[in-house]
Structure formats: structure tokens, C-alpha cells
C-alpha atoms as a PDB file:
ATOM      1  CA  UNK A   1     -23.388  59.743  34.020  1.00  0.00           C
ATOM      2  CA  UNK A   2     -25.750  58.829  31.050  1.00  0.00           C
ATOM      3  CA  UNK A   3     -22.775  59.601  28.648  1.00  0.00           C
ATOM      4  CA  UNK A   4     -20.663  57.062  30.905  1.00  0.00           C
ATOM      5  CA  UNK A   5     -23.383  54.228  30.698  1.00  0.00           C
ATOM      6  CA  UNK A   6     -23.669  54.663  26.843  1.00  0.00           C
ATOM      7  CA  UNK A   7     -19.956  54.724  26.481  1.00  0.00           C
ATOM      8  CA  UNK A   8     -19.775  51.414  28.232  1.00  0.00           C
ATOM      9  CA  UNK A   9     -22.404  49.813  26.271  1.00  0.00           C
ATOM     10  CA  UNK A  10     -21.198  50.765  23.086  1.00  0.00           C
ATOM     11  CA  UNK A  11     -17.615  49.840  24.025  1.00  0.00           C
ATOM     12  CA  UNK A  12     -19.079  46.331  25.194  1.00  0.00           C
ATOM     13  CA  UNK A  13     -21.098  45.822  22.039  1.00  0.00           C
ATOM     14  CA  UNK A  14     -18.152  46.832  20.081  1.00  0.00           C
ATOM     15  CA  UNK A  15     -15.806  44.338  21.774  1.00  0.00           C
ATOM     16  CA  UNK A  16     -18.481  41.546  21.575  1.00  0.00           C
ATOM     17  CA  UNK A  17     -18.996  42.063  17.750  1.00  0.00           C
ATOM     18  CA  UNK A  18     -15.150  42.153  17.387  1.00  0.00           C
ATOM     19  CA  UNK A  19     -14.776  38.715  19.679  1.00  0.00           C
ATOM     20  CA  UNK A  20     -17.652  37.242  17.618  1.00  0.00           C
ATOM     21  CA  UNK A  21     -16.123  38.316  14.222  1.00  0.00           C
ATOM     22  CA  UNK A  22     -12.638  37.095  15.591  1.00  0.00           C
ATOM     23  CA  UNK A  23     -14.079  33.764  16.898  1.00  0.00           C
ATOM     24  CA  UNK A  24     -15.471  33.027  13.335  1.00  0.00           C
ATOM     25  CA  UNK A  25     -12.411  33.838  11.531  1.00  0.00           C
ATOM     26  CA  UNK A  26     -10.361  31.510  14.009  1.00  0.00           C
ATOM     27  CA  UNK A  27     -12.879  28.759  13.440  1.00  0.00           C
ATOM     28  CA  UNK A  28     -12.795  29.121   9.534  1.00  0.00           C
ATOM     29  CA  UNK A  29      -8.733  29.180   9.831  1.00  0.00           C
ATOM     30  CA  UNK A  30      -9.090  25.938  11.791  1.00  0.00           C
ATOM     31  CA  UNK A  31     -11.261  24.423   9.459  1.00  0.00           C
ATOM     32  CA  UNK A  32      -9.225  25.254   6.471  1.00  0.00           C
ATOM     33  CA  UNK A  33      -6.069  24.017   8.426  1.00  0.00           C
ATOM     34  CA  UNK A  34      -7.726  20.766   9.028  1.00  0.00           C
ATOM     35  CA  UNK A  35      -8.982  20.309   5.618  1.00  0.00           C
ATOM     36  CA  UNK A  36      -5.376  20.933   4.255  1.00  0.00           C
ATOM     37  CA  UNK A  37      -4.007  18.499   6.971  1.00  0.00           C
ATOM     38  CA  UNK A  38      -6.197  15.802   5.615  1.00  0.00           C
ATOM     39  CA  UNK A  39      -5.497  16.576   1.961  1.00  0.00           C
ATOM     40  CA  UNK A  40      -1.668  16.681   2.747  1.00  0.00           C
ATOM     41  CA  UNK A  41      -2.074  13.420   4.749  1.00  0.00           C
ATOM     42  CA  UNK A  42      -3.944  11.656   1.780  1.00  0.00           C
ATOM     43  CA  UNK A  43      -1.346  12.953  -0.564  1.00  0.00           C
ATOM     44  CA  UNK A  44       1.438  11.968   1.635  1.00  0.00           C
ATOM     45  CA  UNK A  45      -0.082   8.281   2.242  1.00  0.00           C
ATOM     46  CA  UNK A  46      -0.445   7.956  -1.497  1.00  0.00           C
ATOM     47  CA  UNK A  47       3.144   9.044  -2.207  1.00  0.00           C
ATOM     48  CA  UNK A  48       4.212   6.563   0.687  1.00  0.00           C
ATOM     49  CA  UNK A  49       2.325   3.703  -0.855  1.00  0.00           C
ATOM     50  CA  UNK A  50       3.788   4.442  -4.307  1.00  0.00           C
ATOM     51  CA  UNK A  51       7.324   4.607  -3.022  1.00  0.00           C
ATOM     52  CA  UNK A  52       6.607   1.415  -1.075  1.00  0.00           C
ATOM     53  CA  UNK A  53       5.560  -0.296  -4.124  1.00  0.00           C
ATOM     54  CA  UNK A  54       8.566   0.990  -6.126  1.00  0.00           C
ATOM     55  CA  UNK A  55      10.878  -0.354  -3.537  1.00  0.00           C
ATOM     56  CA  UNK A  56       9.401  -3.710  -3.364  1.00  0.00           C
ATOM     57  CA  UNK A  57       9.676  -3.718  -7.035  1.00  0.00           C
ATOM     58  CA  UNK A  58      13.299  -2.691  -6.937  1.00  0.00           C
ATOM     59  CA  UNK A  59      13.900  -5.463  -4.419  1.00  0.00           C
ATOM     60  CA  UNK A  60      11.931  -8.019  -6.446  1.00  0.00           C
ATOM     61  CA  UNK A  61      13.686  -7.541  -9.599  1.00  0.00           C
ATOM     62  CA  UNK A  62      17.044  -6.981  -7.786  1.00  0.00           C
ATOM     63  CA  UNK A  63      17.725  -3.690  -9.767  1.00  0.00           C
ATOM     64  CA  UNK A  64      21.189  -2.519  -9.403  1.00  0.00           C
ATOM     65  CA  UNK A  65      21.791   1.248  -8.391  1.00  0.00           C
ATOM     66  CA  UNK A  66      22.781   2.134 -12.049  1.00  0.00           C
ATOM     67  CA  UNK A  67      19.385   0.527 -13.475  1.00  0.00           C
ATOM     68  CA  UNK A  68      17.564   2.434 -10.676  1.00  0.00           C
ATOM     69  CA  UNK A  69      19.180   5.667 -11.940  1.00  0.00           C
ATOM     70  CA  UNK A  70      18.366   4.804 -15.731  1.00  0.00           C
ATOM     71  CA  UNK A  71      14.805   4.051 -14.874  1.00  0.00           C
ATOM     72  CA  UNK A  72      14.354   7.270 -12.662  1.00  0.00           C
ATOM     73  CA  UNK A  73      15.822   9.149 -15.726  1.00  0.00           C
ATOM     74  CA  UNK A  74      13.280   7.519 -18.243  1.00  0.00           C
ATOM     75  CA  UNK A  75      10.271   8.386 -15.823  1.00  0.00           C
ATOM     76  CA  UNK A  76      11.358  11.753 -15.399  1.00  0.00           C
ATOM     77  CA  UNK A  77      11.772  12.440 -19.235  1.00  0.00           C
ATOM     78  CA  UNK A  78       8.030  11.622 -19.768  1.00  0.00           C
ATOM     79  CA  UNK A  79       6.654  13.160 -16.568  1.00  0.00           C
ATOM     80  CA  UNK A  80       5.839  16.430 -17.961  1.00  0.00           C
ATOM     81  CA  UNK A  81       4.112  14.990 -20.711  1.00  0.00           C
ATOM     82  CA  UNK A  82       2.015  12.708 -18.496  1.00  0.00           C
ATOM     83  CA  UNK A  83       1.212  15.634 -16.081  1.00  0.00           C
ATOM     84  CA  UNK A  84       0.169  17.834 -19.007  1.00  0.00           C
ATOM     85  CA  UNK A  85      -2.023  15.081 -20.460  1.00  0.00           C
ATOM     86  CA  UNK A  86      -3.703  14.266 -16.959  1.00  0.00           C
ATOM     87  CA  UNK A  87      -4.556  17.999 -16.641  1.00  0.00           C
ATOM     88  CA  UNK A  88      -5.806  18.143 -19.958  1.00  0.00           C
ATOM     89  CA  UNK A  89      -8.261  15.251 -19.221  1.00  0.00           C
ATOM     90  CA  UNK A  90      -9.309  16.854 -16.026  1.00  0.00           C
ATOM     91  CA  UNK A  91     -10.168  20.160 -17.947  1.00  0.00           C
ATOM     92  CA  UNK A  92     -11.824  18.306 -20.601  1.00  0.00           C
ATOM     93  CA  UNK A  93     -13.888  16.182 -18.018  1.00  0.00           C
ATOM     94  CA  UNK A  94     -15.026  19.219 -16.356  1.00  0.00           C
ATOM     95  CA  UNK A  95     -16.080  20.675 -19.621  1.00  0.00           C
ATOM     96  CA  UNK A  96     -18.039  17.522 -20.521  1.00  0.00           C
ATOM     97  CA  UNK A  97     -19.741  17.758 -17.073  1.00  0.00           C
ATOM     98  CA  UNK A  98     -20.651  21.430 -17.807  1.00  0.00           C
ATOM     99  CA  UNK A  99     -21.815  20.455 -21.237  1.00  0.00           C
ATOM    100  CA  UNK A 100     -24.153  17.778 -19.949  1.00  0.00           C
ATOM    101  CA  UNK A 101     -25.790  20.472 -17.563  1.00  0.00           C
ATOM    102  CA  UNK A 102     -26.396  22.808 -20.606  1.00  0.00           C
ATOM    103  CA  UNK A 103     -28.411  22.125 -23.421  1.00  0.00           C
ATOM    104  CA  UNK A 104     -25.773  20.845 -25.778  1.00  0.00           C
ATOM    105  CA  UNK A 105     -26.452  18.609 -28.550  1.00  0.00           C
ATOM    106  CA  UNK A 106     -25.781  14.817 -28.499  1.00  0.00           C
ATOM    107  CA  UNK A 107     -23.243  15.086 -31.346  1.00  0.00           C
ATOM    108  CA  UNK A 108     -21.362  17.900 -29.370  1.00  0.00           C
ATOM    109  CA  UNK A 109     -21.220  15.561 -26.046  1.00  0.00           C
ATOM    110  CA  UNK A 110     -20.174  12.724 -28.323  1.00  0.00           C
ATOM    111  CA  UNK A 111     -17.398  14.726 -29.682  1.00  0.00           C
ATOM    112  CA  UNK A 112     -16.189  15.826 -26.171  1.00  0.00           C
ATOM    113  CA  UNK A 113     -16.317  12.365 -24.897  1.00  0.00           C
ATOM    114  CA  UNK A 114     -14.133  11.283 -28.007  1.00  0.00           C
ATOM    115  CA  UNK A 115     -11.494  14.146 -27.158  1.00  0.00           C
ATOM    116  CA  UNK A 116     -11.347  12.580 -23.737  1.00  0.00           C
ATOM    117  CA  UNK A 117     -10.933   9.207 -25.061  1.00  0.00           C
ATOM    118  CA  UNK A 118      -8.082  10.443 -27.334  1.00  0.00           C
ATOM    119  CA  UNK A 119      -6.207  11.777 -24.331  1.00  0.00           C
ATOM    120  CA  UNK A 120      -6.469   8.619 -22.426  1.00  0.00           C
ATOM    121  CA  UNK A 121      -5.144   6.877 -25.439  1.00  0.00           C
ATOM    122  CA  UNK A 122      -2.243   9.212 -25.559  1.00  0.00           C
ATOM    123  CA  UNK A 123      -1.472   8.567 -21.912  1.00  0.00           C
ATOM    124  CA  UNK A 124      -1.628   4.879 -22.658  1.00  0.00           C
ATOM    125  CA  UNK A 125       0.773   5.173 -25.620  1.00  0.00           C
ATOM    126  CA  UNK A 126       3.237   7.225 -23.138  1.00  0.00           C
ATOM    127  CA  UNK A 127       2.899   4.399 -20.714  1.00  0.00           C
ATOM    128  CA  UNK A 128       3.935   1.945 -23.256  1.00  0.00           C
ATOM    129  CA  UNK A 129       6.809   4.337 -24.294  1.00  0.00           C
ATOM    130  CA  UNK A 130       8.052   4.211 -20.660  1.00  0.00           C
ATOM    131  CA  UNK A 131       7.709   0.363 -20.428  1.00  0.00           C
ATOM    132  CA  UNK A 132       9.485  -0.270 -23.506  1.00  0.00           C
ATOM    133  CA  UNK A 133      12.595   1.885 -22.373  1.00  0.00           C
ATOM    134  CA  UNK A 134      12.414   0.522 -18.881  1.00  0.00           C
ATOM    135  CA  UNK A 135      12.696  -2.986 -20.572  1.00  0.00           C
ATOM    136  CA  UNK A 136      15.842  -1.927 -22.095  1.00  0.00           C
ATOM    137  CA  UNK A 137      17.497  -1.200 -18.809  1.00  0.00           C
ATOM    138  CA  UNK A 138      16.554  -4.713 -17.417  1.00  0.00           C
ATOM    139  CA  UNK A 139      18.298  -8.057 -17.957  1.00  0.00           C
ATOM    140  CA  UNK A 140      16.749 -11.282 -19.583  1.00  0.00           C
ATOM    141  CA  UNK A 141      16.045 -12.701 -16.042  1.00  0.00           C
ATOM    142  CA  UNK A 142      14.569  -9.238 -14.817  1.00  0.00           C
ATOM    143  CA  UNK A 143      12.348  -9.065 -17.864  1.00  0.00           C
ATOM    144  CA  UNK A 144      11.064 -12.608 -17.110  1.00  0.00           C
ATOM    145  CA  UNK A 145      10.315 -11.629 -13.251  1.00  0.00           C
ATOM    146  CA  UNK A 146       8.854  -8.346 -14.394  1.00  0.00           C
ATOM    147  CA  UNK A 147       6.486 -10.039 -16.880  1.00  0.00           C
ATOM    148  CA  UNK A 148       5.341 -12.386 -14.020  1.00  0.00           C
ATOM    149  CA  UNK A 149       4.808  -9.432 -11.525  1.00  0.00           C
ATOM    150  CA  UNK A 150       2.880  -7.598 -14.236  1.00  0.00           C
ATOM    151  CA  UNK A 151       0.543 -10.722 -14.835  1.00  0.00           C
ATOM    152  CA  UNK A 152      -0.039 -11.148 -11.062  1.00  0.00           C
ATOM    153  CA  UNK A 153      -0.894  -7.379 -10.631  1.00  0.00           C
ATOM    154  CA  UNK A 154      -3.245  -7.901 -13.804  1.00  0.00           C
ATOM    155  CA  UNK A 155      -5.020 -10.856 -12.068  1.00  0.00           C
ATOM    156  CA  UNK A 156      -5.333  -9.138  -8.765  1.00  0.00           C
ATOM    157  CA  UNK A 157      -6.927  -6.085 -10.518  1.00  0.00           C
ATOM    158  CA  UNK A 158      -9.369  -8.377 -12.324  1.00  0.00           C
ATOM    159  CA  UNK A 159     -10.168 -10.261  -9.076  1.00  0.00           C
ATOM    160  CA  UNK A 160     -10.947  -6.986  -7.103  1.00  0.00           C
ATOM    161  CA  UNK A 161     -13.675  -5.900  -9.944  1.00  0.00           C
ATOM    162  CA  UNK A 162     -15.420  -9.388  -9.978  1.00  0.00           C
END
């Protein structure tokens, strides 16, 4: 009889431990799914906003389908370089943050900061190239409207930070 009772206690304990472990694993999985869901929703929301802005620009400028295709091709041409530069900046900023925590010299920190500034400048140069090539696709009237829209955007940005 003692063996039966010991068997029942051991079996119940093992089942309880297994159940608790599974419950913890399920909770962790649910947390990961929730976090992934929110991250994906944020990315989807940002993409939807970006697509909405692009569509509004297309409408405001009155772009023809062939112009839209040309502009899409221009952006696609520069996308890999832009992505690479953004990744480089992210890595260099992380490196700077690590250097700030360590005992690096001021000159080493300034040097790292200047690397980041140089990468940002490279991105600005690429953006300018994209803008120039895009400008070539537009008619004179569209260029004028585009300039007005960019001026409005700059004014809105300035107003937001004041």
C-alpha cells in the first residue's frame, strides 16, 4: 500500500511540475506572440502611412502611370545603398554608445561621432540624387507643385518643433 501511495505522490508531483513548466512556456510564447504582433502592427501602420503619403503625392502631382513606374525604379535603384547606410549608422551608433560606457578617450569618441556624421551626410547625398533623378521625370508644372509641397512640408516640420 505504501508503494501505491508513493507512486501516486510521485506521479502527481511530476504531473504538477510538468504542467507548471508547460504553463510558463505557454505564457512566454503568448508574450512573444503579443510583442511580435505589436511590432508587426507598428511596421504595418508605418508602411500604410508611407503608402498613403505616396498616394497623396501621386494625386497632388497628377503623375501618369509611366512616371510612377520611373520614380519607383529610381527609388529601387538607390534602396540597397540607403539600407546599407542606415544599417551602418545603427551599428556605429551602438558602437558609440558602448564607447561612452567604456573608458574611451574624448578624441576616440569624437572620431566615432564624426564617422556617424559622415554616414548621415552620405544618406543626404543619396537622397539628393534621388530627388534630382525624380525631378527629371516631372513636367514643369509638376516640378512647381512639388516644390510647393516640399516647402509646406518644411514649414510643418519647423512648426512642430517650435
